Amino acid sequence: MKDIDKALKPSRETWFKRAMRLFDRPTVDEAVWEELEELLISADVGVNTTARLLEQAKQMAKEGKLAQGSAVRDALKEAMVKILEVEVPETASPSPPRVVLAVGVNGSGKTTSIAKLAYGAKKAGKKVLLVAADTFRVAAIDQLKKLAGEIGIEVVAHQPGADAGAVVFDALEAARSRNADEVIIDTAGRLHTKFNLMEELKKIRRVAAKVDTTAPHEVILVLDATTGQNGLTQARYFTEAVGVTGIFLTKLDGTAKGGIVLAICDELKIPILFIGVGDGLEDMAPFDAEEFVQALCS
């Protein structure tokens, strides 16, 4: 909770504390709702999500016959939690190895986030294998190898410029022979608007399915919170290409517009699985809607 409090401090101090203080008044009139709308949009909640959020809060206040500002504030926070509680689809536990495909644009913190996932899995007692399928950048391969060395796990990599699909095929075969529990695949992070990148991701997905018809078992989009509404666009492109199943949100501590989290959950119905809360390997937290709203609105 402490880490999430710290990560959300810029958003809380800039926008959401002001929004919550609107309800310190004894009664809530139309002027309060109008000012709240302006603050939420400024926090990157988005026009559509803000409208839905206010509509839900007003309805809850009306049905509960809430008059006091504090009670209406609680109704608003409850409406926020409802938006953030996107159901994670239940899937059957795959036979090892479980294959995780990580996608996202350059600069989002993708490789570091992969290392955090791998570190967490290893701490849980799993044998993890990392795959350097971002063959486009030499630095990406080197960074993944360096992080894997710090964690004490193996990386499957080819030469820079190699076919990413071939790297993934070899890695999944190696994972089976080495009895790995989990395979996490790093991918190229050029801009989501680049046709070739999206086609390469689709190919990687097809290659994984050739080795295991149920793979990949999870597709995690690493999304930089500082990109704001552009993050929504990225998520749409990646979801259309490879079927994103969850989001790892990074750099929340670097933006005052943490309201983008509400917009992502509301408009895309993709669950946020993890939040990056620092630079260390341990600095990630599973996403909890109630905890998040409490930290954002305290």
C-alpha atoms as a PDB file:
ATOM      1  CA  MET A   1       0.000   0.000   0.000  1.00  0.00           C
ATOM      2  CA  LYS A   2       2.874   2.335   0.882  1.00  0.00           C
ATOM      3  CA  ASP A   3       4.465   1.864  -2.558  1.00  0.00           C
ATOM      4  CA  ILE A   4       1.170   2.529  -4.336  1.00  0.00           C
ATOM      5  CA  ASP A   5       0.629   5.637  -2.211  1.00  0.00           C
ATOM      6  CA  LYS A   6       4.032   6.892  -3.327  1.00  0.00           C
ATOM      7  CA  ALA A   7       3.445   6.050  -7.003  1.00  0.00           C
ATOM      8  CA  LEU A   8       0.100   7.842  -7.030  1.00  0.00           C
ATOM      9  CA  LYS A   9       1.259  10.913  -5.130  1.00  0.00           C
ATOM     10  CA  PRO A  10       1.550  13.203  -8.215  1.00  0.00           C
ATOM     11  CA  SER A  11      -1.983  12.320  -9.404  1.00  0.00           C
ATOM     12  CA  ARG A  12      -3.434  12.531  -5.913  1.00  0.00           C
ATOM     13  CA  GLU A  13      -1.831  15.867  -5.023  1.00  0.00           C
ATOM     14  CA  THR A  14      -2.541  17.524  -8.382  1.00  0.00           C
ATOM     15  CA  TRP A  15      -6.105  16.444  -9.135  1.00  0.00           C
ATOM     16  CA  PHE A  16      -7.814  13.859  -6.985  1.00  0.00           C
ATOM     17  CA  LYS A  17      -7.336  15.493  -3.591  1.00  0.00           C
ATOM     18  CA  ARG A  18      -8.967  18.621  -5.026  1.00  0.00           C
ATOM     19  CA  ALA A  19     -11.761  16.483  -6.465  1.00  0.00           C
ATOM     20  CA  MET A  20     -12.437  14.779  -3.128  1.00  0.00           C
ATOM     21  CA  ARG A  21     -12.448  18.101  -1.264  1.00  0.00           C
ATOM     22  CA  LEU A  22     -15.415  19.208  -3.334  1.00  0.00           C
ATOM     23  CA  PHE A  23     -17.496  16.917  -1.128  1.00  0.00           C
ATOM     24  CA  ASP A  24     -16.448  18.620   2.109  1.00  0.00           C
ATOM     25  CA  ARG A  25     -19.509  20.833   1.577  1.00  0.00           C
ATOM     26  CA  PRO A  26     -22.692  19.897   3.439  1.00  0.00           C
ATOM     27  CA  THR A  27     -24.682  19.466   0.216  1.00  0.00           C
ATOM     28  CA  VAL A  28     -23.751  18.588  -3.349  1.00  0.00           C
ATOM     29  CA  ASP A  29     -25.217  20.790  -6.058  1.00  0.00           C
ATOM     30  CA  GLU A  30     -24.778  20.943  -9.826  1.00  0.00           C
ATOM     31  CA  ALA A  31     -21.782  23.281  -9.498  1.00  0.00           C
ATOM     32  CA  VAL A  32     -19.920  20.536  -7.600  1.00  0.00           C
ATOM     33  CA  TRP A  33     -20.577  17.989 -10.361  1.00  0.00           C
ATOM     34  CA  GLU A  34     -19.424  20.458 -13.030  1.00  0.00           C
ATOM     35  CA  GLU A  35     -16.180  21.217 -11.201  1.00  0.00           C
ATOM     36  CA  LEU A  36     -15.632  17.502 -10.565  1.00  0.00           C
ATOM     37  CA  GLU A  37     -16.099  16.767 -14.260  1.00  0.00           C
ATOM     38  CA  GLU A  38     -13.431  19.330 -15.152  1.00  0.00           C
ATOM     39  CA  LEU A  39     -10.946  17.910 -12.634  1.00  0.00           C
ATOM     40  CA  LEU A  40     -11.434  14.297 -13.755  1.00  0.00           C
ATOM     41  CA  ILE A  41     -10.973  15.168 -17.420  1.00  0.00           C
ATOM     42  CA  SER A  42      -7.816  17.116 -16.513  1.00  0.00           C
ATOM     43  CA  ALA A  43      -6.538  13.994 -14.723  1.00  0.00           C
ATOM     44  CA  ASP A  44      -6.847  12.054 -18.016  1.00  0.00           C
ATOM     45  CA  VAL A  45      -9.878  10.026 -16.979  1.00  0.00           C
ATOM     46  CA  GLY A  46     -11.258  10.946 -20.416  1.00  0.00           C
ATOM     47  CA  VAL A  47     -14.538  12.528 -21.481  1.00  0.00           C
ATOM     48  CA  ASN A  48     -16.484   9.297 -21.990  1.00  0.00           C
ATOM     49  CA  THR A  49     -15.310   7.596 -18.806  1.00  0.00           C
ATOM     50  CA  THR A  50     -15.857  10.757 -16.762  1.00  0.00           C
ATOM     51  CA  ALA A  51     -19.443  10.987 -18.022  1.00  0.00           C
ATOM     52  CA  ARG A  52     -20.103   7.344 -17.129  1.00  0.00           C
ATOM     53  CA  LEU A  53     -18.470   7.704 -13.737  1.00  0.00           C
ATOM     54  CA  LEU A  54     -20.511  10.774 -12.802  1.00  0.00           C
ATOM     55  CA  GLU A  55     -23.704   9.163 -14.061  1.00  0.00           C
ATOM     56  CA  GLN A  56     -23.082   6.089 -11.883  1.00  0.00           C
ATOM     57  CA  ALA A  57     -22.227   8.195  -8.821  1.00  0.00           C
ATOM     58  CA  LYS A  58     -25.305  10.385  -9.248  1.00  0.00           C
ATOM     59  CA  GLN A  59     -27.511   7.311  -9.636  1.00  0.00           C
ATOM     60  CA  MET A  60     -26.049   5.719  -6.512  1.00  0.00           C
ATOM     61  CA  ALA A  61     -26.559   8.967  -4.591  1.00  0.00           C
ATOM     62  CA  LYS A  62     -30.146   9.214  -5.807  1.00  0.00           C
ATOM     63  CA  GLU A  63     -31.049   5.609  -5.012  1.00  0.00           C
ATOM     64  CA  GLY A  64     -29.439   5.818  -1.579  1.00  0.00           C
ATOM     65  CA  LYS A  65     -30.992   9.220  -0.952  1.00  0.00           C
ATOM     66  CA  LEU A  66     -27.547  10.552  -0.090  1.00  0.00           C
ATOM     67  CA  ALA A  67     -27.500  14.206   0.795  1.00  0.00           C
ATOM     68  CA  GLN A  68     -24.271  14.735   2.729  1.00  0.00           C
ATOM     69  CA  GLY A  69     -21.146  15.425   0.728  1.00  0.00           C
ATOM     70  CA  SER A  70     -19.128  12.696   2.478  1.00  0.00           C
ATOM     71  CA  ALA A  71     -21.722  10.050   1.540  1.00  0.00           C
ATOM     72  CA  VAL A  72     -21.725  11.173  -2.107  1.00  0.00           C
ATOM     73  CA  ARG A  73     -17.920  11.079  -2.106  1.00  0.00           C
ATOM     74  CA  ASP A  74     -18.075   7.451  -0.944  1.00  0.00           C
ATOM     75  CA  ALA A  75     -20.541   6.703  -3.755  1.00  0.00           C
ATOM     76  CA  LEU A  76     -18.115   8.214  -6.283  1.00  0.00           C
ATOM     77  CA  LYS A  77     -15.225   6.125  -4.948  1.00  0.00           C
ATOM     78  CA  GLU A  78     -17.401   3.007  -5.124  1.00  0.00           C
ATOM     79  CA  ALA A  79     -18.232   3.818  -8.753  1.00  0.00           C
ATOM     80  CA  MET A  80     -14.502   4.153  -9.486  1.00  0.00           C
ATOM     81  CA  VAL A  81     -13.812   0.742  -7.955  1.00  0.00           C
ATOM     82  CA  LYS A  82     -16.561  -0.817 -10.103  1.00  0.00           C
ATOM     83  CA  ILE A  83     -14.959   0.567 -13.275  1.00  0.00           C
ATOM     84  CA  LEU A  84     -11.524  -0.723 -12.263  1.00  0.00           C
ATOM     85  CA  GLU A  85     -12.703  -4.220 -11.363  1.00  0.00           C
ATOM     86  CA  VAL A  86     -12.378  -5.685 -14.849  1.00  0.00           C
ATOM     87  CA  GLU A  87     -12.890  -9.412 -14.638  1.00  0.00           C
ATOM     88  CA  VAL A  88      -9.804 -11.460 -15.432  1.00  0.00           C
ATOM     89  CA  PRO A  89     -10.904 -14.327 -17.719  1.00  0.00           C
ATOM     90  CA  GLU A  90     -10.535 -17.718 -16.105  1.00  0.00           C
ATOM     91  CA  THR A  91      -8.387 -20.126 -18.074  1.00  0.00           C
ATOM     92  CA  ALA A  92      -7.394 -23.709 -17.431  1.00  0.00           C
ATOM     93  CA  SER A  93      -3.907 -24.111 -15.987  1.00  0.00           C
ATOM     94  CA  PRO A  94      -1.658 -25.057 -18.914  1.00  0.00           C
ATOM     95  CA  SER A  95       0.838 -27.872 -18.846  1.00  0.00           C
ATOM     96  CA  PRO A  96       4.295 -26.388 -18.253  1.00  0.00           C
ATOM     97  CA  PRO A  97       5.745 -24.272 -19.549  1.00  0.00           C
ATOM     98  CA  ARG A  98       3.302 -21.382 -19.196  1.00  0.00           C
ATOM     99  CA  VAL A  99       4.054 -18.936 -22.018  1.00  0.00           C
ATOM    100  CA  VAL A 100       3.786 -15.180 -21.443  1.00  0.00           C
ATOM    101  CA  LEU A 101       4.142 -12.808 -24.393  1.00  0.00           C
ATOM    102  CA  ALA A 102       5.157  -9.270 -23.387  1.00  0.00           C
ATOM    103  CA  VAL A 103       4.446  -6.433 -25.831  1.00  0.00           C
ATOM    104  CA  GLY A 104       4.695  -2.635 -25.800  1.00  0.00           C
ATOM    105  CA  VAL A 105       6.458   0.296 -27.407  1.00  0.00           C
ATOM    106  CA  ASN A 106      10.078   1.292 -26.782  1.00  0.00           C
ATOM    107  CA  GLY A 107      10.551   3.364 -23.661  1.00  0.00           C
ATOM    108  CA  SER A 108       7.589   1.871 -21.815  1.00  0.00           C
ATOM    109  CA  GLY A 109       9.833  -0.076 -19.439  1.00  0.00           C
ATOM    110  CA  LYS A 110       8.987  -3.404 -21.068  1.00  0.00           C
ATOM    111  CA  THR A 111      12.274  -5.234 -20.552  1.00  0.00           C
ATOM    112  CA  THR A 112      12.542  -4.075 -16.926  1.00  0.00           C
ATOM    113  CA  SER A 113       8.945  -5.137 -16.292  1.00  0.00           C
ATOM    114  CA  ILE A 114       9.683  -8.566 -17.772  1.00  0.00           C
ATOM    115  CA  ALA A 115      12.599  -8.881 -15.341  1.00  0.00           C
ATOM    116  CA  LYS A 116      10.268  -7.999 -12.447  1.00  0.00           C
ATOM    117  CA  LEU A 117       7.794 -10.690 -13.533  1.00  0.00           C
ATOM    118  CA  ALA A 118      10.616 -13.212 -13.850  1.00  0.00           C
ATOM    119  CA  TYR A 119      12.025 -12.263 -10.444  1.00  0.00           C
ATOM    120  CA  GLY A 120       8.592 -12.688  -8.846  1.00  0.00           C
ATOM    121  CA  ALA A 121       8.077 -16.056 -10.527  1.00  0.00           C
ATOM    122  CA  LYS A 122      11.496 -17.300  -9.400  1.00  0.00           C
ATOM    123  CA  LYS A 123      10.795 -16.179  -5.833  1.00  0.00           C
ATOM    124  CA  ALA A 124       7.596 -18.225  -6.028  1.00  0.00           C
ATOM    125  CA  GLY A 125       9.726 -21.277  -6.737  1.00  0.00           C
ATOM    126  CA  LYS A 126       9.271 -21.468 -10.510  1.00  0.00           C
ATOM    127  CA  LYS A 127      11.937 -22.251 -13.081  1.00  0.00           C
ATOM    128  CA  VAL A 128      11.812 -19.329 -15.530  1.00  0.00           C
ATOM    129  CA  LEU A 129      13.264 -18.920 -19.010  1.00  0.00           C
ATOM    130  CA  LEU A 130      13.501 -15.533 -20.741  1.00  0.00           C
ATOM    131  CA  VAL A 131      13.380 -15.151 -24.527  1.00  0.00           C
ATOM    132  CA  ALA A 132      15.163 -12.300 -26.319  1.00  0.00           C
ATOM    133  CA  ALA A 133      12.793 -11.997 -29.276  1.00  0.00           C
ATOM    134  CA  ASP A 134      13.478  -8.273 -29.677  1.00  0.00           C
ATOM    135  CA  THR A 135      16.166  -8.985 -32.252  1.00  0.00           C
ATOM    136  CA  PHE A 136      15.740  -5.517 -33.748  1.00  0.00           C
ATOM    137  CA  ARG A 137      17.824  -3.785 -31.052  1.00  0.00           C
ATOM    138  CA  VAL A 138      21.190  -5.115 -29.867  1.00  0.00           C
ATOM    139  CA  ALA A 139      20.748  -3.140 -26.634  1.00  0.00           C
ATOM    140  CA  ALA A 140      17.503  -4.990 -25.860  1.00  0.00           C
ATOM    141  CA  ILE A 141      19.238  -8.388 -26.007  1.00  0.00           C
ATOM    142  CA  ASP A 142      22.125  -7.148 -23.851  1.00  0.00           C
ATOM    143  CA  GLN A 143      19.749  -5.572 -21.308  1.00  0.00           C
ATOM    144  CA  LEU A 144      17.702  -8.763 -20.989  1.00  0.00           C
ATOM    145  CA  LYS A 145      20.863 -10.856 -20.517  1.00  0.00           C
ATOM    146  CA  LYS A 146      22.150  -8.446 -17.853  1.00  0.00           C
ATOM    147  CA  LEU A 147      18.870  -8.518 -15.912  1.00  0.00           C
ATOM    148  CA  ALA A 148      18.624 -12.297 -16.220  1.00  0.00           C
ATOM    149  CA  GLY A 149      22.147 -12.552 -14.811  1.00  0.00           C
ATOM    150  CA  GLU A 150      21.109 -10.474 -11.790  1.00  0.00           C
ATOM    151  CA  ILE A 151      18.115 -12.757 -11.199  1.00  0.00           C
ATOM    152  CA  GLY A 152      20.030 -15.959 -11.904  1.00  0.00           C
ATOM    153  CA  ILE A 153      17.944 -17.337 -14.773  1.00  0.00           C
ATOM    154  CA  GLU A 154      18.626 -18.370 -18.369  1.00  0.00           C
ATOM    155  CA  VAL A 155      18.000 -16.429 -21.577  1.00  0.00           C
ATOM    156  CA  VAL A 156      17.528 -17.887 -25.042  1.00  0.00           C
ATOM    157  CA  ALA A 157      18.873 -15.450 -27.643  1.00  0.00           C
ATOM    158  CA  HIS A 158      20.107 -15.464 -31.246  1.00  0.00           C
ATOM    159  CA  GLN A 159      22.244 -12.922 -33.038  1.00  0.00           C
ATOM    160  CA  PRO A 160      20.892  -9.369 -33.536  1.00  0.00           C
ATOM    161  CA  GLY A 161      18.737  -9.215 -36.644  1.00  0.00           C
ATOM    162  CA  ALA A 162      17.769 -12.885 -36.409  1.00  0.00           C
ATOM    163  CA  ASP A 163      14.223 -14.025 -37.132  1.00  0.00           C
ATOM    164  CA  ALA A 164      12.202 -13.460 -33.945  1.00  0.00           C
ATOM    165  CA  GLY A 165       9.923 -16.406 -34.706  1.00  0.00           C
ATOM    166  CA  ALA A 166      12.930 -18.740 -34.866  1.00  0.00           C
ATOM    167  CA  VAL A 167      14.143 -17.473 -31.480  1.00  0.00           C
ATOM    168  CA  VAL A 168      10.749 -18.181 -29.937  1.00  0.00           C
ATOM    169  CA  PHE A 169      10.542 -21.665 -31.486  1.00  0.00           C
ATOM    170  CA  ASP A 170      13.989 -22.614 -30.177  1.00  0.00           C
ATOM    171  CA  ALA A 171      13.180 -21.152 -26.759  1.00  0.00           C
ATOM    172  CA  LEU A 172       9.953 -23.110 -26.347  1.00  0.00           C
ATOM    173  CA  GLU A 173      11.684 -26.328 -27.380  1.00  0.00           C
ATOM    174  CA  ALA A 174      14.460 -25.561 -24.884  1.00  0.00           C
ATOM    175  CA  ALA A 175      11.911 -24.793 -22.173  1.00  0.00           C
ATOM    176  CA  ARG A 176      10.374 -28.227 -22.571  1.00  0.00           C
ATOM    177  CA  SER A 177      13.700 -30.037 -22.492  1.00  0.00           C
ATOM    178  CA  ARG A 178      14.839 -28.035 -19.438  1.00  0.00           C
ATOM    179  CA  ASN A 179      11.507 -28.507 -17.601  1.00  0.00           C
ATOM    180  CA  ALA A 180      10.870 -24.768 -17.302  1.00  0.00           C
ATOM    181  CA  ASP A 181       7.675 -23.719 -15.540  1.00  0.00           C
ATOM    182  CA  GLU A 182       7.355 -20.336 -17.214  1.00  0.00           C
ATOM    183  CA  VAL A 183       8.621 -18.691 -20.391  1.00  0.00           C
ATOM    184  CA  ILE A 184       8.495 -14.903 -20.771  1.00  0.00           C
ATOM    185  CA  ILE A 185       9.052 -13.532 -24.264  1.00  0.00           C
ATOM    186  CA  ASP A 186      10.444 -10.039 -24.854  1.00  0.00           C
ATOM    187  CA  THR A 187       9.413  -8.544 -28.216  1.00  0.00           C
ATOM    188  CA  ALA A 188      10.404  -5.627 -30.416  1.00  0.00           C
ATOM    189  CA  GLY A 189       9.012  -2.306 -29.244  1.00  0.00           C
ATOM    190  CA  ARG A 190       8.824  -0.059 -32.268  1.00  0.00           C
ATOM    191  CA  LEU A 191       5.807   2.214 -32.494  1.00  0.00           C
ATOM    192  CA  HIS A 192       2.451   0.454 -32.461  1.00  0.00           C
ATOM    193  CA  THR A 193       1.555   2.132 -35.780  1.00  0.00           C
ATOM    194  CA  LYS A 194       4.332   0.255 -37.588  1.00  0.00           C
ATOM    195  CA  PHE A 195       2.756  -2.471 -39.720  1.00  0.00           C
ATOM    196  CA  ASN A 196       5.876  -4.668 -39.712  1.00  0.00           C
ATOM    197  CA  LEU A 197       6.004  -4.798 -35.910  1.00  0.00           C
ATOM    198  CA  MET A 198       2.401  -5.922 -35.655  1.00  0.00           C
ATOM    199  CA  GLU A 199       2.924  -8.576 -38.311  1.00  0.00           C
ATOM    200  CA  GLU A 200       5.996  -9.834 -36.449  1.00  0.00           C
ATOM    201  CA  LEU A 201       3.986 -10.109 -33.220  1.00  0.00           C
ATOM    202  CA  LYS A 202       1.295 -12.087 -35.025  1.00  0.00           C
ATOM    203  CA  LYS A 203       3.991 -14.401 -36.392  1.00  0.00           C
ATOM    204  CA  ILE A 204       5.454 -14.934 -32.900  1.00  0.00           C
ATOM    205  CA  ARG A 205       1.999 -15.833 -31.661  1.00  0.00           C
ATOM    206  CA  ARG A 206       1.569 -18.366 -34.501  1.00  0.00           C
ATOM    207  CA  VAL A 207       4.995 -19.911 -33.812  1.00  0.00           C
ATOM    208  CA  ALA A 208       4.172 -20.312 -30.106  1.00  0.00           C
ATOM    209  CA  ALA A 209       0.896 -22.023 -31.029  1.00  0.00           C
ATOM    210  CA  LYS A 210       2.781 -24.516 -33.247  1.00  0.00           C
ATOM    211  CA  VAL A 211       4.768 -25.715 -30.234  1.00  0.00           C
ATOM    212  CA  ASP A 212       1.778 -25.563 -27.861  1.00  0.00           C
ATOM    213  CA  THR A 213      -1.688 -25.044 -29.334  1.00  0.00           C
ATOM    214  CA  THR A 214      -2.795 -23.204 -26.167  1.00  0.00           C
ATOM    215  CA  ALA A 215       0.137 -20.743 -26.205  1.00  0.00           C
ATOM    216  CA  PRO A 216       0.658 -17.942 -25.504  1.00  0.00           C
ATOM    217  CA  HIS A 217      -1.275 -18.321 -22.273  1.00  0.00           C
ATOM    218  CA  GLU A 218      -1.054 -14.642 -21.434  1.00  0.00           C
ATOM    219  CA  VAL A 219      -0.316 -11.508 -23.484  1.00  0.00           C
ATOM    220  CA  ILE A 220       0.800  -8.651 -21.246  1.00  0.00           C
ATOM    221  CA  LEU A 221       0.945  -5.114 -22.613  1.00  0.00           C
ATOM    222  CA  VAL A 222       3.499  -2.967 -20.791  1.00  0.00           C
ATOM    223  CA  LEU A 223       2.037   0.527 -20.853  1.00  0.00           C
ATOM    224  CA  ASP A 224       3.699   3.778 -19.815  1.00  0.00           C
ATOM    225  CA  ALA A 225       1.214   5.786 -17.712  1.00  0.00           C
ATOM    226  CA  THR A 226       2.858   9.063 -18.769  1.00  0.00           C
ATOM    227  CA  THR A 227       1.589   8.601 -22.343  1.00  0.00           C
ATOM    228  CA  GLY A 228      -1.953   9.363 -21.141  1.00  0.00           C
ATOM    229  CA  GLN A 229      -4.703   9.026 -23.704  1.00  0.00           C
ATOM    230  CA  ASN A 230      -2.176   7.845 -26.305  1.00  0.00           C
ATOM    231  CA  GLY A 231      -1.858   4.748 -24.138  1.00  0.00           C
ATOM    232  CA  LEU A 232      -5.465   3.901 -25.018  1.00  0.00           C
ATOM    233  CA  THR A 233      -4.578   4.000 -28.699  1.00  0.00           C
ATOM    234  CA  GLN A 234      -1.551   1.767 -28.148  1.00  0.00           C
ATOM    235  CA  ALA A 235      -3.646  -0.737 -26.202  1.00  0.00           C
ATOM    236  CA  ARG A 236      -6.249  -0.896 -28.991  1.00  0.00           C
ATOM    237  CA  TYR A 237      -3.611  -1.600 -31.666  1.00  0.00           C
ATOM    238  CA  PHE A 238      -1.866  -4.301 -29.654  1.00  0.00           C
ATOM    239  CA  THR A 239      -5.140  -5.931 -28.631  1.00  0.00           C
ATOM    240  CA  GLU A 240      -6.304  -6.116 -32.240  1.00  0.00           C
ATOM    241  CA  ALA A 241      -2.983  -7.664 -33.280  1.00  0.00           C
ATOM    242  CA  VAL A 242      -2.283 -10.193 -30.542  1.00  0.00           C
ATOM    243  CA  GLY A 243      -5.217 -10.184 -28.095  1.00  0.00           C
ATOM    244  CA  VAL A 244      -3.859  -8.454 -24.986  1.00  0.00           C
ATOM    245  CA  THR A 245      -5.114 -10.221 -21.847  1.00  0.00           C
ATOM    246  CA  GLY A 246      -3.703  -7.876 -19.198  1.00  0.00           C
ATOM    247  CA  ILE A 247      -1.693  -4.703 -18.600  1.00  0.00           C
ATOM    248  CA  PHE A 248       1.467  -3.980 -16.626  1.00  0.00           C
ATOM    249  CA  LEU A 249       1.304  -0.225 -15.952  1.00  0.00           C
ATOM    250  CA  THR A 250       4.621   1.579 -15.464  1.00  0.00           C
ATOM    251  CA  LYS A 251       5.784   5.079 -14.481  1.00  0.00           C
ATOM    252  CA  LEU A 252       2.677   6.067 -12.527  1.00  0.00           C
ATOM    253  CA  ASP A 253       4.974   8.022 -10.221  1.00  0.00           C
ATOM    254  CA  GLY A 254       6.068  10.109 -13.210  1.00  0.00           C
ATOM    255  CA  THR A 255       2.673  11.522 -14.120  1.00  0.00           C
ATOM    256  CA  ALA A 256      -0.068  13.570 -12.475  1.00  0.00           C
ATOM    257  CA  LYS A 257      -2.582  11.992 -14.841  1.00  0.00           C
ATOM    258  CA  GLY A 258      -3.154   8.636 -13.190  1.00  0.00           C
ATOM    259  CA  GLY A 259      -6.804   8.874 -14.178  1.00  0.00           C
ATOM    260  CA  ILE A 260      -5.804   7.116 -17.401  1.00  0.00           C
ATOM    261  CA  VAL A 261      -6.152   3.864 -15.434  1.00  0.00           C
ATOM    262  CA  LEU A 262      -9.911   4.429 -15.205  1.00  0.00           C
ATOM    263  CA  ALA A 263     -10.149   5.148 -18.933  1.00  0.00           C
ATOM    264  CA  ILE A 264      -8.212   1.973 -19.833  1.00  0.00           C
ATOM    265  CA  CYS A 265     -10.430  -0.269 -17.720  1.00  0.00           C
ATOM    266  CA  ASP A 266     -13.652   1.428 -18.783  1.00  0.00           C
ATOM    267  CA  GLU A 267     -13.077   1.717 -22.526  1.00  0.00           C
ATOM    268  CA  LEU A 268     -10.980  -1.371 -23.251  1.00  0.00           C
ATOM    269  CA  LYS A 269     -12.223  -3.790 -20.571  1.00  0.00           C
ATOM    270  CA  ILE A 270      -8.656  -5.087 -20.195  1.00  0.00           C
ATOM    271  CA  PRO A 271      -7.635  -5.849 -16.615  1.00  0.00           C
ATOM    272  CA  ILE A 272      -4.618  -4.115 -15.114  1.00  0.00           C
ATOM    273  CA  LEU A 273      -2.565  -6.906 -13.546  1.00  0.00           C
ATOM    274  CA  PHE A 274       0.472  -5.118 -12.127  1.00  0.00           C
ATOM    275  CA  ILE A 275       1.765  -1.639 -11.363  1.00  0.00           C
ATOM    276  CA  GLY A 276       5.427  -0.692 -11.436  1.00  0.00           C
ATOM    277  CA  VAL A 277       6.233   1.231  -8.237  1.00  0.00           C
ATOM    278  CA  GLY A 278       9.983   1.784  -8.612  1.00  0.00           C
ATOM    279  CA  ASP A 279      13.152   0.749 -10.421  1.00  0.00           C
ATOM    280  CA  GLY A 280      14.147  -2.320  -8.391  1.00  0.00           C
ATOM    281  CA  LEU A 281      13.301  -5.909  -9.308  1.00  0.00           C
ATOM    282  CA  GLU A 282      10.910  -6.128  -6.349  1.00  0.00           C
ATOM    283  CA  ASP A 283       9.205  -2.832  -7.201  1.00  0.00           C
ATOM    284  CA  MET A 284       5.912  -4.050  -8.612  1.00  0.00           C
ATOM    285  CA  ALA A 285       2.526  -4.590  -7.017  1.00  0.00           C
ATOM    286  CA  PRO A 286      -0.475  -6.675  -8.059  1.00  0.00           C
ATOM    287  CA  PHE A 287      -3.301  -4.339  -9.012  1.00  0.00           C
ATOM    288  CA  ASP A 288      -6.135  -4.081  -6.501  1.00  0.00           C
ATOM    289  CA  ALA A 289      -9.014  -1.758  -7.424  1.00  0.00           C
ATOM    290  CA  GLU A 290     -10.057  -0.839  -3.881  1.00  0.00           C
ATOM    291  CA  GLU A 291      -6.489  -0.253  -2.740  1.00  0.00           C
ATOM    292  CA  PHE A 292      -5.813   1.834  -5.847  1.00  0.00           C
ATOM    293  CA  VAL A 293      -8.861   4.094  -5.329  1.00  0.00           C
ATOM    294  CA  GLN A 294      -8.032   4.487  -1.631  1.00  0.00           C
ATOM    295  CA  ALA A 295      -4.472   5.577  -2.464  1.00  0.00           C
ATOM    296  CA  LEU A 296      -5.645   7.875  -5.272  1.00  0.00           C
ATOM    297  CA  CYS A 297      -8.398   9.594  -3.298  1.00  0.00           C
ATOM    298  CA  SER A 298      -7.033   9.714   0.255  1.00  0.00           C
END
